[in-house]
Amino acid sequence: MRYEQRDIVEISFLFPDGNFKPHPALIVSNNELQLDEGFIYLALISSKSYNPQYCYELDDEMLTSPLQKKSYVKCRIIVGNIERDVIRKISRVRKEYFDEIVEKIKSSIF
């Protein structure tokens, strides 16, 4: 397993129009699931804050490496991929902020 929960990675993301585009995403699934199933769940990250009630704004101090643009975790857009769809690791979210993101995902979806 090369990638872990809390990693921000670039993946080939399938958009609703059927096109694939490299896009950052946060790995939200736990490491055990990845090892057992070979599957990862990710939350899309975007530079646009459409529907801000379902977004979590990221700041540089929350990350191990800053992102190039102001970014938002889209807490309502969760996708499943396999590790080979990951292009590269970009950064990692610090634990305390990751816990807040998980709570935002729960309140956005459930």
N, C-alpha and C. Protein backbone atom coordinates (compact mmCIF):
# COMPACT_ATOMS: atom_id res chain seq x y z
N MET A 1 0.86 -1.17 0.00
CA MET A 1 0.00 0.00 0.00
C MET A 1 0.90 1.24 0.00
N ARG A 2 0.82 2.02 -1.06
CA ARG A 2 1.67 3.20 -1.19
C ARG A 2 1.00 4.46 -0.64
N TYR A 3 -0.31 4.45 -0.55
CA TYR A 3 -1.05 5.64 -0.13
C TYR A 3 -1.88 5.30 1.10
N GLU A 4 -2.06 6.31 1.97
CA GLU A 4 -2.75 6.08 3.22
C GLU A 4 -3.87 7.10 3.43
N GLN A 5 -4.75 6.75 4.37
CA GLN A 5 -5.78 7.69 4.78
C GLN A 5 -5.12 9.02 5.14
N ARG A 6 -5.76 10.12 4.74
CA ARG A 6 -5.31 11.49 4.96
C ARG A 6 -4.38 12.01 3.87
N ASP A 7 -3.93 11.12 2.96
CA ASP A 7 -3.10 11.60 1.86
C ASP A 7 -3.96 12.36 0.86
N ILE A 8 -3.40 13.44 0.34
CA ILE A 8 -4.00 14.12 -0.81
C ILE A 8 -3.23 13.65 -2.02
N VAL A 9 -3.97 13.08 -2.97
CA VAL A 9 -3.35 12.51 -4.15
C VAL A 9 -3.99 13.12 -5.40
N GLU A 10 -3.30 12.96 -6.50
CA GLU A 10 -3.87 13.33 -7.79
C GLU A 10 -4.36 12.04 -8.44
N ILE A 11 -5.62 12.06 -8.86
CA ILE A 11 -6.19 10.88 -9.50
C ILE A 11 -6.78 11.27 -10.85
N SER A 12 -6.98 10.29 -11.68
CA SER A 12 -7.70 10.49 -12.92
C SER A 12 -9.18 10.40 -12.56
N PHE A 13 -9.82 11.56 -12.44
CA PHE A 13 -11.18 11.66 -11.91
C PHE A 13 -12.20 11.64 -13.04
N LEU A 14 -13.22 10.79 -12.92
CA LEU A 14 -14.30 10.72 -13.90
C LEU A 14 -15.36 11.76 -13.55
N PHE A 15 -15.57 12.71 -14.44
CA PHE A 15 -16.57 13.74 -14.24
C PHE A 15 -17.91 13.33 -14.85
N PRO A 16 -19.00 13.98 -14.44
CA PRO A 16 -20.33 13.61 -14.93
C PRO A 16 -20.49 13.66 -16.45
N ASP A 17 -19.68 14.46 -17.12
CA ASP A 17 -19.78 14.53 -18.58
C ASP A 17 -19.08 13.37 -19.27
N GLY A 18 -18.50 12.44 -18.48
CA GLY A 18 -17.85 11.26 -19.04
C GLY A 18 -16.37 11.42 -19.30
N ASN A 19 -15.83 12.61 -19.06
CA ASN A 19 -14.41 12.85 -19.29
C ASN A 19 -13.60 12.60 -18.02
N PHE A 20 -12.38 12.17 -18.23
CA PHE A 20 -11.43 12.00 -17.13
C PHE A 20 -10.49 13.19 -17.11
N LYS A 21 -10.16 13.64 -15.91
CA LYS A 21 -9.23 14.76 -15.76
C LYS A 21 -8.45 14.56 -14.47
N PRO A 22 -7.13 14.77 -14.49
CA PRO A 22 -6.37 14.67 -13.24
C PRO A 22 -6.89 15.71 -12.25
N HIS A 23 -7.11 15.26 -11.03
CA HIS A 23 -7.70 16.13 -10.02
C HIS A 23 -7.23 15.71 -8.65
N PRO A 24 -7.03 16.68 -7.71
CA PRO A 24 -6.66 16.28 -6.36
C PRO A 24 -7.85 15.70 -5.60
N ALA A 25 -7.55 14.79 -4.70
CA ALA A 25 -8.59 14.17 -3.87
C ALA A 25 -7.95 13.72 -2.56
N LEU A 26 -8.76 13.66 -1.53
CA LEU A 26 -8.33 13.26 -0.20
C LEU A 26 -8.76 11.81 0.04
N ILE A 27 -7.82 10.97 0.43
CA ILE A 27 -8.16 9.58 0.75
C ILE A 27 -8.85 9.58 2.11
N VAL A 28 -10.11 9.12 2.14
CA VAL A 28 -10.88 9.09 3.38
C VAL A 28 -11.04 7.68 3.93
N SER A 29 -10.87 6.66 3.10
CA SER A 29 -11.02 5.29 3.58
C SER A 29 -9.83 4.91 4.46
N ASN A 30 -10.10 4.00 5.40
CA ASN A 30 -9.02 3.61 6.31
C ASN A 30 -8.05 2.64 5.64
N ASN A 31 -6.87 2.55 6.20
CA ASN A 31 -5.81 1.73 5.62
C ASN A 31 -6.15 0.25 5.59
N GLU A 32 -6.88 -0.22 6.58
CA GLU A 32 -7.26 -1.64 6.64
C GLU A 32 -8.13 -2.01 5.44
N LEU A 33 -9.10 -1.16 5.12
CA LEU A 33 -9.96 -1.43 3.96
C LEU A 33 -9.12 -1.49 2.68
N GLN A 34 -8.18 -0.59 2.55
CA GLN A 34 -7.33 -0.58 1.37
C GLN A 34 -6.53 -1.88 1.24
N LEU A 35 -6.01 -2.34 2.38
CA LEU A 35 -5.25 -3.59 2.36
C LEU A 35 -6.12 -4.79 2.06
N ASP A 36 -7.31 -4.85 2.67
CA ASP A 36 -8.20 -5.99 2.50
C ASP A 36 -8.85 -6.04 1.12
N GLU A 37 -9.26 -4.88 0.61
CA GLU A 37 -10.06 -4.84 -0.61
C GLU A 37 -9.31 -4.28 -1.83
N GLY A 38 -8.19 -3.59 -1.60
CA GLY A 38 -7.48 -2.98 -2.71
C GLY A 38 -8.24 -1.81 -3.30
N PHE A 39 -9.07 -1.19 -2.49
CA PHE A 39 -9.98 -0.13 -2.94
C PHE A 39 -9.82 1.07 -2.02
N ILE A 40 -9.88 2.27 -2.58
CA ILE A 40 -9.80 3.48 -1.77
C ILE A 40 -11.00 4.39 -2.06
N TYR A 41 -11.46 5.05 -1.02
CA TYR A 41 -12.51 6.07 -1.17
C TYR A 41 -11.86 7.43 -1.01
N LEU A 42 -12.27 8.34 -1.89
CA LEU A 42 -11.66 9.67 -1.91
C LEU A 42 -12.73 10.74 -1.98
N ALA A 43 -12.42 11.90 -1.40
CA ALA A 43 -13.27 13.09 -1.51
C ALA A 43 -12.58 14.05 -2.48
N LEU A 44 -13.33 14.51 -3.46
CA LEU A 44 -12.80 15.44 -4.45
C LEU A 44 -12.34 16.73 -3.78
N ILE A 45 -11.27 17.30 -4.27
CA ILE A 45 -10.79 18.62 -3.84
C ILE A 45 -10.85 19.54 -5.06
N SER A 46 -11.37 20.74 -4.85
CA SER A 46 -11.54 21.70 -5.94
C SER A 46 -11.10 23.09 -5.50
N SER A 47 -10.78 23.92 -6.47
CA SER A 47 -10.46 25.32 -6.17
C SER A 47 -11.73 26.17 -6.15
N LYS A 48 -12.86 25.55 -6.46
CA LYS A 48 -14.13 26.28 -6.48
C LYS A 48 -14.97 25.88 -5.26
N SER A 49 -15.62 26.86 -4.66
CA SER A 49 -16.39 26.59 -3.44
C SER A 49 -17.90 26.57 -3.71
N TYR A 50 -18.31 26.02 -4.85
CA TYR A 50 -19.74 25.88 -5.12
C TYR A 50 -20.40 25.12 -3.98
N ASN A 51 -21.61 25.50 -3.61
CA ASN A 51 -22.32 24.88 -2.50
C ASN A 51 -21.44 24.84 -1.25
N PRO A 52 -21.07 26.01 -0.74
CA PRO A 52 -20.11 26.07 0.37
C PRO A 52 -20.56 25.33 1.63
N GLN A 53 -21.85 25.10 1.78
CA GLN A 53 -22.32 24.37 2.96
C GLN A 53 -21.83 22.92 2.96
N TYR A 54 -21.36 22.44 1.81
CA TYR A 54 -20.85 21.07 1.70
C TYR A 54 -19.35 21.03 1.44
N CYS A 55 -18.67 22.14 1.68
CA CYS A 55 -17.23 22.22 1.45
C CYS A 55 -16.48 22.41 2.76
N TYR A 56 -15.23 21.98 2.76
CA TYR A 56 -14.33 22.22 3.88
C TYR A 56 -13.11 22.92 3.30
N GLU A 57 -12.89 24.15 3.72
CA GLU A 57 -11.79 24.95 3.20
C GLU A 57 -10.46 24.48 3.79
N LEU A 58 -9.48 24.29 2.91
CA LEU A 58 -8.15 23.87 3.33
C LEU A 58 -7.21 25.07 3.38
N ASP A 59 -6.42 25.17 4.43
CA ASP A 59 -5.38 26.18 4.56
C ASP A 59 -4.03 25.47 4.63
N ASP A 60 -2.97 26.19 4.30
CA ASP A 60 -1.64 25.59 4.25
C ASP A 60 -1.21 24.96 5.58
N GLU A 61 -1.60 25.55 6.71
CA GLU A 61 -1.17 25.00 8.00
C GLU A 61 -1.82 23.65 8.31
N MET A 62 -2.87 23.31 7.58
CA MET A 62 -3.55 22.03 7.77
C MET A 62 -2.84 20.88 7.06
N LEU A 63 -1.88 21.23 6.20
CA LEU A 63 -1.27 20.26 5.29
C LEU A 63 0.22 20.12 5.53
N THR A 64 0.77 18.98 5.14
CA THR A 64 2.21 18.80 5.23
C THR A 64 2.94 19.54 4.12
N SER A 65 2.28 19.74 2.98
CA SER A 65 2.82 20.52 1.86
C SER A 65 1.69 21.38 1.31
N PRO A 66 1.92 22.67 1.08
CA PRO A 66 0.83 23.52 0.59
C PRO A 66 0.39 23.13 -0.81
N LEU A 67 -0.89 23.37 -1.09
CA LEU A 67 -1.43 23.15 -2.44
C LEU A 67 -1.18 24.42 -3.26
N GLN A 68 -1.23 24.30 -4.57
CA GLN A 68 -0.93 25.43 -5.44
C GLN A 68 -2.02 26.50 -5.43
N LYS A 69 -3.26 26.10 -5.17
CA LYS A 69 -4.39 27.02 -5.20
C LYS A 69 -5.18 26.92 -3.90
N LYS A 70 -5.98 27.94 -3.63
CA LYS A 70 -6.95 27.85 -2.54
C LYS A 70 -7.83 26.64 -2.86
N SER A 71 -8.05 25.76 -1.89
CA SER A 71 -8.74 24.50 -2.18
C SER A 71 -9.80 24.18 -1.15
N TYR A 72 -10.78 23.38 -1.59
CA TYR A 72 -11.91 22.98 -0.77
C TYR A 72 -12.15 21.48 -0.96
N VAL A 73 -12.33 20.78 0.15
CA VAL A 73 -12.76 19.38 0.06
C VAL A 73 -14.25 19.41 -0.21
N LYS A 74 -14.67 18.73 -1.26
CA LYS A 74 -16.08 18.62 -1.62
C LYS A 74 -16.66 17.45 -0.82
N CYS A 75 -17.23 17.74 0.32
CA CYS A 75 -17.63 16.70 1.27
C CYS A 75 -18.81 15.87 0.80
N ARG A 76 -19.43 16.22 -0.28
CA ARG A 76 -20.55 15.45 -0.81
C ARG A 76 -20.15 14.63 -2.04
N ILE A 77 -18.92 14.78 -2.50
CA ILE A 77 -18.47 14.06 -3.70
C ILE A 77 -17.41 13.04 -3.29
N ILE A 78 -17.87 11.81 -3.05
CA ILE A 78 -17.01 10.71 -2.64
C ILE A 78 -17.00 9.68 -3.77
N VAL A 79 -15.80 9.26 -4.15
CA VAL A 79 -15.67 8.28 -5.23
C VAL A 79 -14.81 7.11 -4.76
N GLY A 80 -14.95 6.00 -5.43
CA GLY A 80 -14.12 4.84 -5.15
C GLY A 80 -13.19 4.60 -6.32
N ASN A 81 -11.96 4.32 -6.02
CA ASN A 81 -10.96 4.03 -7.04
C ASN A 81 -10.05 2.93 -6.53
N ILE A 82 -9.18 2.47 -7.41
CA ILE A 82 -8.15 1.54 -7.00
C ILE A 82 -6.81 2.27 -7.03
N GLU A 83 -5.84 1.75 -6.35
CA GLU A 83 -4.57 2.45 -6.18
C GLU A 83 -3.91 2.78 -7.51
N ARG A 84 -4.08 1.95 -8.52
CA ARG A 84 -3.41 2.23 -9.80
C ARG A 84 -3.96 3.48 -10.49
N ASP A 85 -5.14 3.97 -10.05
CA ASP A 85 -5.69 5.22 -10.60
C ASP A 85 -5.02 6.46 -10.03
N VAL A 86 -4.24 6.28 -8.97
CA VAL A 86 -3.54 7.40 -8.35
C VAL A 86 -2.31 7.74 -9.20
N ILE A 87 -2.19 9.01 -9.52
CA ILE A 87 -1.07 9.48 -10.32
C ILE A 87 0.13 9.79 -9.43
N ARG A 88 -0.13 10.52 -8.32
CA ARG A 88 0.95 10.87 -7.40
C ARG A 88 0.37 11.40 -6.10
N LYS A 89 1.20 11.39 -5.07
CA LYS A 89 0.83 12.00 -3.79
C LYS A 89 1.22 13.47 -3.84
N ILE A 90 0.32 14.33 -3.34
CA ILE A 90 0.55 15.78 -3.36
C ILE A 90 0.89 16.30 -1.96
N SER A 91 0.15 15.84 -0.96
CA SER A 91 0.30 16.35 0.40
C SER A 91 -0.38 15.39 1.36
N ARG A 92 -0.56 15.84 2.59
CA ARG A 92 -1.23 15.04 3.61
C ARG A 92 -1.91 16.00 4.57
N VAL A 93 -3.13 15.66 4.99
CA VAL A 93 -3.88 16.48 5.94
C VAL A 93 -3.49 16.07 7.36
N ARG A 94 -3.24 17.05 8.19
CA ARG A 94 -2.91 16.77 9.59
C ARG A 94 -4.13 16.16 10.30
N LYS A 95 -3.88 15.28 11.24
CA LYS A 95 -4.91 14.45 11.88
C LYS A 95 -6.09 15.25 12.42
N GLU A 96 -5.83 16.32 13.17
CA GLU A 96 -6.94 17.07 13.79
C GLU A 96 -7.87 17.68 12.74
N TYR A 97 -7.32 18.09 11.61
CA TYR A 97 -8.16 18.66 10.56
C TYR A 97 -8.89 17.56 9.78
N PHE A 98 -8.22 16.42 9.64
CA PHE A 98 -8.87 15.29 8.98
C PHE A 98 -10.13 14.88 9.74
N ASP A 99 -10.04 14.84 11.05
CA ASP A 99 -11.21 14.47 11.87
C ASP A 99 -12.37 15.45 11.63
N GLU A 100 -12.06 16.73 11.49
CA GLU A 100 -13.10 17.73 11.19
C GLU A 100 -13.70 17.48 9.80
N ILE A 101 -12.87 17.14 8.85
CA ILE A 101 -13.36 16.86 7.49
C ILE A 101 -14.30 15.66 7.51
N VAL A 102 -13.94 14.61 8.24
CA VAL A 102 -14.80 13.43 8.33
C VAL A 102 -16.16 13.81 8.91
N GLU A 103 -16.17 14.64 9.93
CA GLU A 103 -17.45 15.08 10.51
C GLU A 103 -18.26 15.89 9.50
N LYS A 104 -17.59 16.72 8.71
CA LYS A 104 -18.27 17.51 7.68
C LYS A 104 -18.84 16.58 6.60
N ILE A 105 -18.11 15.54 6.24
CA ILE A 105 -18.62 14.57 5.26
C ILE A 105 -19.86 13.90 5.81
N LYS A 106 -19.81 13.47 7.07
CA LYS A 106 -20.97 12.82 7.68
C LYS A 106 -22.19 13.73 7.66
N SER A 107 -22.01 14.99 8.06
CA SER A 107 -23.15 15.90 8.11
C SER A 107 -23.63 16.30 6.72
N SER A 108 -22.77 16.22 5.74
CA SER A 108 -23.15 16.57 4.37
C SER A 108 -23.93 15.45 3.69
N ILE A 109 -23.59 14.21 4.01
CA ILE A 109 -24.19 13.08 3.31
C ILE A 109 -25.31 12.42 4.10
N PHE A 110 -25.16 12.35 5.43
CA PHE A 110 -26.14 11.57 6.22
C PHE A 110 -27.08 12.44 7.00
